[in-house]
Protein backbone atom coordinates (compact mmCIF):
# COMPACT_ATOMS: atom_id res chain seq x y z
CA ASP A 1 19.91 131.14 76.08
CA GLN A 2 19.78 128.90 73.32
CA HIS A 3 17.90 125.61 73.65
CA VAL A 4 17.99 122.93 70.89
CA THR A 5 15.77 120.00 70.14
CA ALA A 6 17.18 117.29 67.87
CA LEU A 7 14.82 115.25 65.52
CA ARG A 8 15.27 112.24 63.41
CA ILE A 9 11.86 112.00 61.29
CA VAL A 10 11.09 108.90 59.99
CA MET A 11 8.64 109.02 56.93
CA ASP A 12 7.12 106.16 54.58
CA PRO A 13 7.48 106.44 50.60
CA GLU A 14 4.20 108.02 50.34
CA GLY A 15 5.40 110.87 53.47
CA GLU A 16 3.30 109.39 55.93
CA ILE A 17 5.20 109.89 59.38
CA VAL A 18 6.67 106.66 60.80
CA ASP A 19 8.03 107.66 63.88
CA VAL A 20 9.61 110.84 64.97
CA VAL A 21 12.59 110.49 67.88
CA ILE A 22 14.37 112.98 70.07
CA LEU A 23 18.12 112.20 69.30
CA GLY A 24 18.75 115.22 71.67
CA SER A 25 16.71 117.52 74.12
CA SER A 26 16.76 121.01 74.61
CA GLY A 27 16.43 120.93 78.27
CA VAL A 28 12.58 121.87 78.45
CA LYS A 29 10.23 118.94 78.44
CA GLU A 30 7.85 121.36 76.68
CA LEU A 31 9.89 122.28 73.86
CA ASP A 32 11.01 119.07 73.30
CA ASP A 33 7.29 117.76 72.96
CA ALA A 34 6.36 120.87 70.62
CA ALA A 35 8.52 120.15 68.37
CA VAL A 36 7.85 116.52 68.34
CA GLU A 37 3.96 117.20 67.71
CA SER A 38 4.58 119.97 65.47
CA PHE A 39 5.77 117.19 62.85
CA ASN A 40 3.22 115.27 63.63
CA ALA A 41 0.36 118.14 63.43
CA VAL A 42 1.99 118.76 59.15
CA GLY A 43 2.19 115.44 57.99
CA PRO A 44 2.50 113.60 55.73
CA PHE A 45 4.84 115.11 53.54
CA PRO A 46 4.07 114.04 49.91
CA ASN A 47 6.08 113.04 47.24
CA PRO A 48 9.63 113.07 49.13
CA PRO A 49 12.41 113.10 46.69
CA LYS A 50 13.35 108.86 45.04
CA ASP A 51 16.76 110.31 46.35
CA LEU A 52 15.84 110.28 49.87
CA ILE A 53 14.01 106.53 49.90
CA VAL A 54 16.39 104.75 51.41
CA ASP A 55 14.99 101.18 52.38
CA GLY A 56 11.67 102.06 51.90
CA ARG A 57 11.92 104.92 54.28
CA VAL A 58 13.09 108.29 54.09
CA THR A 59 14.90 110.04 57.27
CA ILE A 60 16.08 113.28 57.98
CA GLU A 61 17.24 114.82 61.26
CA TRP A 62 15.89 118.22 62.09
CA GLY A 63 16.73 121.24 64.74
CA PHE A 64 14.55 123.21 66.89
CA VAL A 65 16.12 126.73 68.08
CA VAL A 66 14.57 128.58 70.76
CA ASN A 67 16.71 131.55 71.95
CA SER A 68 15.60 133.26 75.01
């Protein structure tokens, strides 16, 4: 089985995490929670590329995949 949690991560221009949103659930709450917590635990992400800053925010989408 493959479980995918899709996230949208929003940061300010300094790389501080402003929001983490689950765009698609893996179907396993614990995996979804771990994906969100992993971004919150490792932030901030200093010096985001200037090209990624739009309207004062950096937005990326990321997927966590767990195969079982």
